[in-house]
PDB file of N, CA and C in Angstrom:
ATOM      1  N   UNK A   1     -24.346   0.227   5.515  1.00  0.00           N
ATOM      2  CA  UNK A   1     -23.851   0.159   4.347  1.00  0.00           C
ATOM      3  C   UNK A   1     -22.169  -0.009   4.515  1.00  0.00           C
ATOM      4  N   UNK A   2     -21.610  -0.469   3.724  1.00  0.00           N
ATOM      5  CA  UNK A   2     -20.055  -0.845   3.891  1.00  0.00           C
ATOM      6  C   UNK A   2     -19.231   0.184   2.898  1.00  0.00           C
ATOM      7  N   UNK A   3     -18.423   0.821   3.100  1.00  0.00           N
ATOM      8  CA  UNK A   3     -17.672   1.735   2.340  1.00  0.00           C
ATOM      9  C   UNK A   3     -16.054   0.901   2.227  1.00  0.00           C
ATOM     10  N   UNK A   4     -15.583   1.032   1.103  1.00  0.00           N
ATOM     11  CA  UNK A   4     -14.189   0.622   0.864  1.00  0.00           C
ATOM     12  C   UNK A   4     -13.443   1.513   0.102  1.00  0.00           C
ATOM     13  N   UNK A   5     -12.029   1.692   0.133  1.00  0.00           N
ATOM     14  CA  UNK A   5     -11.510   2.985  -0.305  1.00  0.00           C
ATOM     15  C   UNK A   5     -10.298   2.016  -0.850  1.00  0.00           C
ATOM     16  N   UNK A   6     -10.096   2.891  -1.808  1.00  0.00           N
ATOM     17  CA  UNK A   6      -9.119   2.750  -2.892  1.00  0.00           C
ATOM     18  C   UNK A   6      -8.140   3.814  -2.878  1.00  0.00           C
ATOM     19  N   UNK A   7      -6.807   3.778  -2.648  1.00  0.00           N
ATOM     20  CA  UNK A   7      -5.933   4.777  -2.169  1.00  0.00           C
ATOM     21  C   UNK A   7      -4.648   4.711  -2.616  1.00  0.00           C
ATOM     22  N   UNK A   8      -3.957   5.974  -2.805  1.00  0.00           N
ATOM     23  CA  UNK A   8      -2.759   5.738  -3.097  1.00  0.00           C
ATOM     24  C   UNK A   8      -1.910   6.653  -2.412  1.00  0.00           C
ATOM     25  N   UNK A   9      -0.752   6.044  -2.148  1.00  0.00           N
ATOM     26  CA  UNK A   9      -0.046   6.940  -0.835  1.00  0.00           C
ATOM     27  C   UNK A   9       1.407   7.177  -1.670  1.00  0.00           C
ATOM     28  N   UNK A  10       2.436   8.335  -1.326  1.00  0.00           N
ATOM     29  CA  UNK A  10       3.427   8.814  -2.038  1.00  0.00           C
ATOM     30  C   UNK A  10       4.214   9.029  -1.014  1.00  0.00           C
ATOM     31  N   UNK A  11       5.596   8.946  -1.322  1.00  0.00           N
ATOM     32  CA  UNK A  11       6.741   9.264  -0.319  1.00  0.00           C
ATOM     33  C   UNK A  11       6.921  10.838  -0.611  1.00  0.00           C
ATOM     34  N   UNK A  12       6.777  11.284  -1.651  1.00  0.00           N
ATOM     35  CA  UNK A  12       6.746  12.532  -2.285  1.00  0.00           C
ATOM     36  C   UNK A  12       6.393  12.806  -3.520  1.00  0.00           C
ATOM     37  N   UNK A  13       6.408  14.168  -3.803  1.00  0.00           N
ATOM     38  CA  UNK A  13       5.574  14.631  -4.894  1.00  0.00           C
ATOM     39  C   UNK A  13       6.476  14.185  -6.498  1.00  0.00           C
ATOM     40  N   UNK A  14       5.877  12.842  -6.957  1.00  0.00           N
ATOM     41  CA  UNK A  14       6.287  12.490  -8.106  1.00  0.00           C
ATOM     42  C   UNK A  14       6.900  11.050  -7.706  1.00  0.00           C
ATOM     43  N   UNK A  15       7.463  11.026  -6.180  1.00  0.00           N
ATOM     44  CA  UNK A  15       8.064   9.862  -5.908  1.00  0.00           C
ATOM     45  C   UNK A  15       7.488   8.341  -5.797  1.00  0.00           C
ATOM     46  N   UNK A  16       7.927   7.622  -5.007  1.00  0.00           N
ATOM     47  CA  UNK A  16       7.473   6.269  -4.958  1.00  0.00           C
ATOM     48  C   UNK A  16       6.151   6.103  -4.806  1.00  0.00           C
ATOM     49  N   UNK A  17       5.079   5.380  -5.393  1.00  0.00           N
ATOM     50  CA  UNK A  17       3.799   5.217  -4.803  1.00  0.00           C
ATOM     51  C   UNK A  17       3.468   3.873  -4.534  1.00  0.00           C
ATOM     52  N   UNK A  18       2.456   3.830  -4.036  1.00  0.00           N
ATOM     53  CA  UNK A  18       2.001   2.364  -3.026  1.00  0.00           C
ATOM     54  C   UNK A  18       0.135   2.700  -3.325  1.00  0.00           C
ATOM     55  N   UNK A  19      -0.218   1.473  -3.938  1.00  0.00           N
ATOM     56  CA  UNK A  19      -1.817   1.600  -4.335  1.00  0.00           C
ATOM     57  C   UNK A  19      -2.188   0.398  -3.315  1.00  0.00           C
ATOM     58  N   UNK A  20      -3.591   0.750  -2.361  1.00  0.00           N
ATOM     59  CA  UNK A  20      -4.218  -0.090  -1.715  1.00  0.00           C
ATOM     60  C   UNK A  20      -5.633  -0.549  -1.992  1.00  0.00           C
ATOM     61  N   UNK A  21      -6.108  -1.185  -0.996  1.00  0.00           N
ATOM     62  CA  UNK A  21      -7.791  -1.352  -0.802  1.00  0.00           C
ATOM     63  C   UNK A  21      -7.857  -1.282   0.915  1.00  0.00           C
ATOM     64  N   UNK A  22      -8.973  -0.915   1.401  1.00  0.00           N
ATOM     65  CA  UNK A  22      -9.288  -0.751   2.777  1.00  0.00           C
ATOM     66  C   UNK A  22     -10.804  -0.709   2.963  1.00  0.00           C
ATOM     67  N   UNK A  23     -11.043  -1.201   3.808  1.00  0.00           N
ATOM     68  CA  UNK A  23     -12.439  -0.671   4.526  1.00  0.00           C
ATOM     69  C   UNK A  23     -12.357   0.666   5.723  1.00  0.00           C
ATOM     70  N   UNK A  24     -11.123   0.496   6.171  1.00  0.00           N
ATOM     71  CA  UNK A  24     -10.988   1.743   6.933  1.00  0.00           C
ATOM     72  C   UNK A  24      -9.713   2.571   6.770  1.00  0.00           C
ATOM     73  N   UNK A  25      -9.814   3.551   6.034  1.00  0.00           N
ATOM     74  CA  UNK A  25      -8.968   4.396   5.214  1.00  0.00           C
ATOM     75  C   UNK A  25      -8.007   5.031   6.408  1.00  0.00           C
ATOM     76  N   UNK A  26      -8.723   5.654   7.497  1.00  0.00           N
ATOM     77  CA  UNK A  26      -7.833   6.181   8.761  1.00  0.00           C
ATOM     78  C   UNK A  26      -7.001   5.508   9.462  1.00  0.00           C
ATOM     79  N   UNK A  27      -7.405   4.198   9.515  1.00  0.00           N
ATOM     80  CA  UNK A  27      -6.473   3.355  10.430  1.00  0.00           C
ATOM     81  C   UNK A  27      -5.481   2.757   9.263  1.00  0.00           C
ATOM     82  N   UNK A  28      -5.833   2.432   8.277  1.00  0.00           N
ATOM     83  CA  UNK A  28      -4.849   1.656   7.314  1.00  0.00           C
ATOM     84  C   UNK A  28      -3.707   3.027   6.972  1.00  0.00           C
ATOM     85  N   UNK A  29      -3.981   4.249   6.729  1.00  0.00           N
ATOM     86  CA  UNK A  29      -2.833   5.165   6.725  1.00  0.00           C
ATOM     87  C   UNK A  29      -1.991   5.487   7.760  1.00  0.00           C
ATOM     88  N   UNK A  30      -2.731   5.455   8.783  1.00  0.00           N
ATOM     89  CA  UNK A  30      -1.997   5.516  10.017  1.00  0.00           C
ATOM     90  C   UNK A  30      -0.975   4.517  10.442  1.00  0.00           C
ATOM     91  N   UNK A  31      -1.449   3.288   9.920  1.00  0.00           N
ATOM     92  CA  UNK A  31      -0.376   1.968   9.856  1.00  0.00           C
ATOM     93  C   UNK A  31       0.501   2.466   9.069  1.00  0.00           C
ATOM     94  N   UNK A  32       0.498   2.902   7.738  1.00  0.00           N
ATOM     95  CA  UNK A  32       1.530   3.102   6.903  1.00  0.00           C
ATOM     96  C   UNK A  32       2.421   4.176   7.857  1.00  0.00           C
ATOM     97  N   UNK A  33       1.867   5.365   8.130  1.00  0.00           N
ATOM     98  CA  UNK A  33       2.583   6.435   8.826  1.00  0.00           C
ATOM     99  C   UNK A  33       3.246   6.169   9.992  1.00  0.00           C
ATOM    100  N   UNK A  34       2.623   5.502  10.720  1.00  0.00           N
ATOM    101  CA  UNK A  34       3.722   4.871  12.022  1.00  0.00           C
ATOM    102  C   UNK A  34       4.500   3.607  11.943  1.00  0.00           C
ATOM    103  N   UNK A  35       4.924   3.107  10.642  1.00  0.00           N
ATOM    104  CA  UNK A  35       5.510   2.450  10.080  1.00  0.00           C
ATOM    105  C   UNK A  35       5.474   0.777  11.264  1.00  0.00           C
ATOM    106  N   UNK A  36       4.386   0.773  11.404  1.00  0.00           N
ATOM    107  CA  UNK A  36       4.069  -0.331  12.770  1.00  0.00           C
ATOM    108  C   UNK A  36       4.209  -2.009  11.717  1.00  0.00           C
ATOM    109  N   UNK A  37       4.144  -1.846  10.351  1.00  0.00           N
ATOM    110  CA  UNK A  37       3.972  -3.233   9.616  1.00  0.00           C
ATOM    111  C   UNK A  37       5.119  -3.079   8.933  1.00  0.00           C
ATOM    112  N   UNK A  38       5.945  -4.194   8.963  1.00  0.00           N
ATOM    113  CA  UNK A  38       7.024  -4.385   8.051  1.00  0.00           C
ATOM    114  C   UNK A  38       6.560  -4.478   6.622  1.00  0.00           C
ATOM    115  N   UNK A  39       6.792  -3.412   5.666  1.00  0.00           N
ATOM    116  CA  UNK A  39       5.937  -3.401   4.379  1.00  0.00           C
ATOM    117  C   UNK A  39       6.601  -2.693   3.443  1.00  0.00           C
ATOM    118  N   UNK A  40       6.016  -2.764   2.270  1.00  0.00           N
ATOM    119  CA  UNK A  40       6.662  -2.062   0.903  1.00  0.00           C
ATOM    120  C   UNK A  40       6.903  -0.512   1.394  1.00  0.00           C
ATOM    121  N   UNK A  41       5.649   0.223   2.056  1.00  0.00           N
ATOM    122  CA  UNK A  41       5.587   1.472   2.441  1.00  0.00           C
ATOM    123  C   UNK A  41       6.723   1.698   3.724  1.00  0.00           C
ATOM    124  N   UNK A  42       6.925   1.094   4.426  1.00  0.00           N
ATOM    125  CA  UNK A  42       8.010   1.288   5.383  1.00  0.00           C
ATOM    126  C   UNK A  42       9.374   1.129   4.752  1.00  0.00           C
ATOM    127  N   UNK A  43       9.430   0.645   3.830  1.00  0.00           N
ATOM    128  CA  UNK A  43      10.935   0.353   3.242  1.00  0.00           C
ATOM    129  C   UNK A  43      11.038   1.374   2.465  1.00  0.00           C
ATOM    130  N   UNK A  44      10.084   1.886   1.673  1.00  0.00           N
ATOM    131  CA  UNK A  44      10.545   3.137   0.961  1.00  0.00           C
ATOM    132  C   UNK A  44       9.913   4.312   1.344  1.00  0.00           C
ATOM    133  N   UNK A  45       9.263   4.406   2.525  1.00  0.00           N
ATOM    134  CA  UNK A  45       8.969   5.927   3.259  1.00  0.00           C
ATOM    135  C   UNK A  45       7.643   6.147   2.228  1.00  0.00           C
ATOM    136  N   UNK A  46       6.963   5.728   2.071  1.00  0.00           N
ATOM    137  CA  UNK A  46       5.661   6.078   1.375  1.00  0.00           C
ATOM    138  C   UNK A  46       4.777   5.836   2.214  1.00  0.00           C
ATOM    139  N   UNK A  47       4.031   6.877   2.797  1.00  0.00           N
ATOM    140  CA  UNK A  47       3.158   7.301   3.597  1.00  0.00           C
ATOM    141  C   UNK A  47       2.301   8.719   3.689  1.00  0.00           C
ATOM    142  N   UNK A  48       2.517   9.405   2.324  1.00  0.00           N
ATOM    143  CA  UNK A  48       1.346  10.469   2.263  1.00  0.00           C
ATOM    144  C   UNK A  48       0.516   9.978   1.397  1.00  0.00           C
ATOM    145  N   UNK A  49      -1.012  10.330   1.933  1.00  0.00           N
ATOM    146  CA  UNK A  49      -2.069   9.894   1.317  1.00  0.00           C
ATOM    147  C   UNK A  49      -2.312  11.139   0.372  1.00  0.00           C
ATOM    148  N   UNK A  50      -2.082  10.696  -1.242  1.00  0.00           N
ATOM    149  CA  UNK A  50      -2.468  11.455  -2.278  1.00  0.00           C
ATOM    150  C   UNK A  50      -3.589  11.678  -2.790  1.00  0.00           C
ATOM    151  N   UNK A  51      -4.362  10.362  -2.865  1.00  0.00           N
ATOM    152  CA  UNK A  51      -5.434  10.067  -3.545  1.00  0.00           C
ATOM    153  C   UNK A  51      -6.169   9.021  -2.885  1.00  0.00           C
ATOM    154  N   UNK A  52      -7.764   9.191  -2.815  1.00  0.00           N
ATOM    155  CA  UNK A  52      -8.346   7.974  -2.452  1.00  0.00           C
ATOM    156  C   UNK A  52      -9.735   8.390  -3.435  1.00  0.00           C
ATOM    157  N   UNK A  53     -10.349   6.945  -3.187  1.00  0.00           N
ATOM    158  CA  UNK A  53     -11.997   7.150  -3.835  1.00  0.00           C
ATOM    159  C   UNK A  53     -12.553   6.160  -3.054  1.00  0.00           C
ATOM    160  N   UNK A  54     -13.866   6.165  -3.107  1.00  0.00           N
ATOM    161  CA  UNK A  54     -14.517   5.203  -2.537  1.00  0.00           C
ATOM    162  C   UNK A  54     -15.588   4.187  -3.379  1.00  0.00           C
ATOM    163  N   UNK A  55     -15.848   3.288  -2.667  1.00  0.00           N
ATOM    164  CA  UNK A  55     -16.627   2.101  -3.468  1.00  0.00           C
ATOM    165  C   UNK A  55     -17.554   1.403  -2.388  1.00  0.00           C
ATOM    166  N   UNK A  56     -19.021   1.218  -3.055  1.00  0.00           N
ATOM    167  CA  UNK A  56     -19.642   0.181  -2.079  1.00  0.00           C
ATOM    168  C   UNK A  56     -19.415  -1.168  -2.029  1.00  0.00           C
ATOM    169  N   UNK A  57     -19.031  -1.665  -2.856  1.00  0.00           N
ATOM    170  CA  UNK A  57     -18.705  -2.804  -3.239  1.00  0.00           C
ATOM    171  C   UNK A  57     -17.135  -3.594  -3.018  1.00  0.00           C
ATOM    172  N   UNK A  58     -17.088  -4.631  -2.264  1.00  0.00           N
ATOM    173  CA  UNK A  58     -15.583  -4.991  -2.147  1.00  0.00           C
ATOM    174  C   UNK A  58     -14.869  -5.608  -3.358  1.00  0.00           C
ATOM    175  N   UNK A  59     -15.783  -6.098  -4.146  1.00  0.00           N
ATOM    176  CA  UNK A  59     -15.082  -6.909  -5.716  1.00  0.00           C
ATOM    177  C   UNK A  59     -14.734  -5.838  -6.567  1.00  0.00           C
ATOM    178  N   UNK A  60     -15.766  -4.790  -6.361  1.00  0.00           N
ATOM    179  CA  UNK A  60     -15.307  -3.329  -7.565  1.00  0.00           C
ATOM    180  C   UNK A  60     -14.024  -2.913  -7.133  1.00  0.00           C
ATOM    181  N   UNK A  61     -13.655  -2.690  -5.716  1.00  0.00           N
ATOM    182  CA  UNK A  61     -12.921  -2.212  -5.020  1.00  0.00           C
ATOM    183  C   UNK A  61     -11.741  -2.790  -5.601  1.00  0.00           C
ATOM    184  N   UNK A  62     -11.668  -4.067  -5.156  1.00  0.00           N
ATOM    185  CA  UNK A  62     -10.349  -4.459  -5.445  1.00  0.00           C
ATOM    186  C   UNK A  62     -10.270  -4.924  -7.000  1.00  0.00           C
ATOM    187  N   UNK A  63     -10.875  -4.695  -8.023  1.00  0.00           N
ATOM    188  CA  UNK A  63     -10.945  -4.715  -9.400  1.00  0.00           C
ATOM    189  C   UNK A  63     -10.199  -3.328  -9.903  1.00  0.00           C
ATOM    190  N   UNK A  64     -10.695  -2.119  -9.087  1.00  0.00           N
ATOM    191  CA  UNK A  64     -10.276  -0.998  -9.436  1.00  0.00           C
ATOM    192  C   UNK A  64      -8.819  -0.478  -8.733  1.00  0.00           C
ATOM    193  N   UNK A  65      -8.743  -1.308  -7.406  1.00  0.00           N
ATOM    194  CA  UNK A  65      -7.096  -1.208  -7.585  1.00  0.00           C
ATOM    195  C   UNK A  65      -6.086  -1.734  -8.338  1.00  0.00           C
ATOM    196  N   UNK A  66      -6.725  -3.398  -8.576  1.00  0.00           N
ATOM    197  CA  UNK A  66      -5.620  -3.787  -9.765  1.00  0.00           C
ATOM    198  C   UNK A  66      -5.616  -2.923 -10.983  1.00  0.00           C
ATOM    199  N   UNK A  67      -6.780  -2.481 -11.460  1.00  0.00           N
ATOM    200  CA  UNK A  67      -6.491  -1.729 -12.763  1.00  0.00           C
ATOM    201  C   UNK A  67      -5.780  -0.618 -12.213  1.00  0.00           C
ATOM    202  N   UNK A  68      -5.668   0.195 -11.506  1.00  0.00           N
ATOM    203  CA  UNK A  68      -4.906   1.099 -11.390  1.00  0.00           C
ATOM    204  C   UNK A  68      -3.393   1.085 -11.004  1.00  0.00           C
ATOM    205  N   UNK A  69      -3.017  -0.132 -10.398  1.00  0.00           N
ATOM    206  CA  UNK A  69      -1.822  -1.073 -10.080  1.00  0.00           C
ATOM    207  C   UNK A  69      -1.110  -1.055 -11.686  1.00  0.00           C
ATOM    208  N   UNK A  70      -2.048  -1.523 -12.310  1.00  0.00           N
ATOM    209  CA  UNK A  70      -1.574  -1.817 -13.957  1.00  0.00           C
ATOM    210  C   UNK A  70      -1.276  -0.868 -14.779  1.00  0.00           C
ATOM    211  N   UNK A  71      -1.706   0.383 -14.200  1.00  0.00           N
ATOM    212  CA  UNK A  71      -1.618   1.433 -15.273  1.00  0.00           C
ATOM    213  C   UNK A  71       0.001   2.002 -15.680  1.00  0.00           C
ATOM    214  N   UNK A  72      -0.001   2.700 -16.785  1.00  0.00           N
ATOM    215  CA  UNK A  72       1.255   3.311 -16.594  1.00  0.00           C
ATOM    216  C   UNK A  72       1.390   4.485 -15.475  1.00  0.00           C
ATOM    217  N   UNK A  73       2.635   4.813 -15.246  1.00  0.00           N
ATOM    218  CA  UNK A  73       2.783   5.489 -14.224  1.00  0.00           C
ATOM    219  C   UNK A  73       2.385   7.060 -14.597  1.00  0.00           C
ATOM    220  N   UNK A  74       2.621   7.414 -15.892  1.00  0.00           N
ATOM    221  CA  UNK A  74       1.957   8.935 -16.069  1.00  0.00           C
ATOM    222  C   UNK A  74       0.648   8.878 -15.751  1.00  0.00           C
ATOM    223  N   UNK A  75      -0.083   7.840 -15.865  1.00  0.00           N
ATOM    224  CA  UNK A  75      -1.782   7.656 -15.858  1.00  0.00           C
ATOM    225  C   UNK A  75      -2.091   7.916 -14.329  1.00  0.00           C
ATOM    226  N   UNK A  76      -1.146   7.132 -13.551  1.00  0.00           N
ATOM    227  CA  UNK A  76      -1.381   7.561 -12.086  1.00  0.00           C
ATOM    228  C   UNK A  76      -1.254   8.566 -11.586  1.00  0.00           C
ATOM    229  N   UNK A  77      -0.277   9.403 -12.065  1.00  0.00           N
ATOM    230  CA  UNK A  77       0.575  10.729 -11.827  1.00  0.00           C
ATOM    231  C   UNK A  77      -0.872  11.767 -12.291  1.00  0.00           C
ATOM    232  N   UNK A  78      -1.620  11.677 -13.605  1.00  0.00           N
ATOM    233  CA  UNK A  78      -2.455  12.142 -13.746  1.00  0.00           C
ATOM    234  C   UNK A  78      -3.845  12.234 -12.955  1.00  0.00           C
ATOM    235  N   UNK A  79      -4.065  11.006 -12.452  1.00  0.00           N
ATOM    236  CA  UNK A  79      -5.096  10.902 -11.499  1.00  0.00           C
ATOM    237  C   UNK A  79      -5.184  11.662 -10.333  1.00  0.00           C
ATOM    238  N   UNK A  80      -3.657  11.494  -9.850  1.00  0.00           N
ATOM    239  CA  UNK A  80      -3.738  12.039  -8.532  1.00  0.00           C
ATOM    240  C   UNK A  80      -3.696  13.436  -8.843  1.00  0.00           C
ATOM    241  N   UNK A  81      -3.145  14.406  -9.571  1.00  0.00           N
ATOM    242  CA  UNK A  81      -3.049  15.751  -9.850  1.00  0.00           C
ATOM    243  C   UNK A  81      -4.285  16.018 -10.480  1.00  0.00           C
ATOM    244  N   UNK A  82      -5.542  15.277 -10.820  1.00  0.00           N
ATOM    245  CA  UNK A  82      -6.612  15.792 -11.175  1.00  0.00           C
ATOM    246  C   UNK A  82      -7.328  16.627  -9.754  1.00  0.00           C
ATOM    247  N   UNK A  83      -7.152  15.696  -8.401  1.00  0.00           N
ATOM    248  CA  UNK A  83      -7.804  16.377  -7.502  1.00  0.00           C
ATOM    249  C   UNK A  83      -6.897  16.627  -6.758  1.00  0.00           C
ATOM    250  N   UNK A  84      -5.489  16.578  -6.383  1.00  0.00           N
ATOM    251  CA  UNK A  84      -4.685  16.974  -5.807  1.00  0.00           C
ATOM    252  C   UNK A  84      -3.218  17.499  -6.631  1.00  0.00           C
ATOM    253  N   UNK A  85      -3.175  18.642  -6.920  1.00  0.00           N
ATOM    254  CA  UNK A  85      -2.128  18.987  -7.843  1.00  0.00           C
ATOM    255  C   UNK A  85      -0.874  19.128  -7.419  1.00  0.00           C
ATOM    256  N   UNK A  86      -1.053  19.681  -6.009  1.00  0.00           N
ATOM    257  CA  UNK A  86       0.235  19.962  -4.859  1.00  0.00           C
ATOM    258  C   UNK A  86       0.812  18.797  -4.512  1.00  0.00           C
ATOM    259  N   UNK A  87      -0.109  17.321  -4.337  1.00  0.00           N
ATOM    260  CA  UNK A  87       0.044  16.207  -3.928  1.00  0.00           C
ATOM    261  C   UNK A  87       0.318  16.592  -2.251  1.00  0.00           C
ATOM    262  N   UNK A  88      -0.737  17.449  -1.776  1.00  0.00           N
ATOM    263  CA  UNK A  88      -0.774  17.440  -0.528  1.00  0.00           C
ATOM    264  C   UNK A  88      -1.340  16.087   0.357  1.00  0.00           C
ATOM    265  N   UNK A  89      -0.693  16.237   1.485  1.00  0.00           N
ATOM    266  CA  UNK A  89      -1.053  14.653   2.192  1.00  0.00           C
ATOM    267  C   UNK A  89      -2.368  15.112   2.862  1.00  0.00           C
ATOM    268  N   UNK A  90      -3.495  14.271   2.406  1.00  0.00           N
ATOM    269  CA  UNK A  90      -4.712  14.083   2.566  1.00  0.00           C
ATOM    270  C   UNK A  90      -5.434  13.676   4.053  1.00  0.00           C
ATOM    271  N   UNK A  91      -4.520  12.992   4.573  1.00  0.00           N
ATOM    272  CA  UNK A  91      -4.399  12.618   6.049  1.00  0.00           C
ATOM    273  C   UNK A  91      -5.043  13.503   6.961  1.00  0.00           C
ATOM    274  N   UNK A  92      -4.863  14.533   7.023  1.00  0.00           N
ATOM    275  CA  UNK A  92      -5.663  15.306   8.010  1.00  0.00           C
ATOM    276  C   UNK A  92      -6.851  15.820   7.646  1.00  0.00           C
ATOM    277  N   UNK A  93      -7.406  15.520   6.447  1.00  0.00           N
ATOM    278  CA  UNK A  93      -8.654  15.827   5.767  1.00  0.00           C
ATOM    279  C   UNK A  93      -9.411  14.655   6.157  1.00  0.00           C
ATOM    280  N   UNK A  94      -8.815  13.471   6.260  1.00  0.00           N
ATOM    281  CA  UNK A  94      -9.662  12.105   6.530  1.00  0.00           C
ATOM    282  C   UNK A  94      -9.912  12.023   8.147  1.00  0.00           C
ATOM    283  N   UNK A  95      -9.114  12.320   9.055  1.00  0.00           N
ATOM    284  CA  UNK A  95      -9.144  12.084  10.432  1.00  0.00           C
ATOM    285  C   UNK A  95      -9.961  13.368  11.083  1.00  0.00           C
ATOM    286  N   UNK A  96     -10.394  14.416  10.535  1.00  0.00           N
ATOM    287  CA  UNK A  96     -11.470  15.378  10.937  1.00  0.00           C
ATOM    288  C   UNK A  96     -12.891  14.857  10.793  1.00  0.00           C
TER     289      UNK A  96
END
């Protein structure tokens, strides 16, 4: 069974946000953190994993990513703070 992840990275609490979708969350977050790709996250220092959710269907995952991207900023912050009120970087949790 394939698992896909919709994730939100932040530069800091209430900082710049990046929303993406991937099959390999650990690898993808590491790429953001290591700044190996010339990307939005490298330019704006967005590397803290503050939220993620899973989907077993790629089409649903992509649809959810697009939905969240079009939300108001306050809704995105509310989504993050429901499960991560201190905006803790969850990367260490996913690599265990």
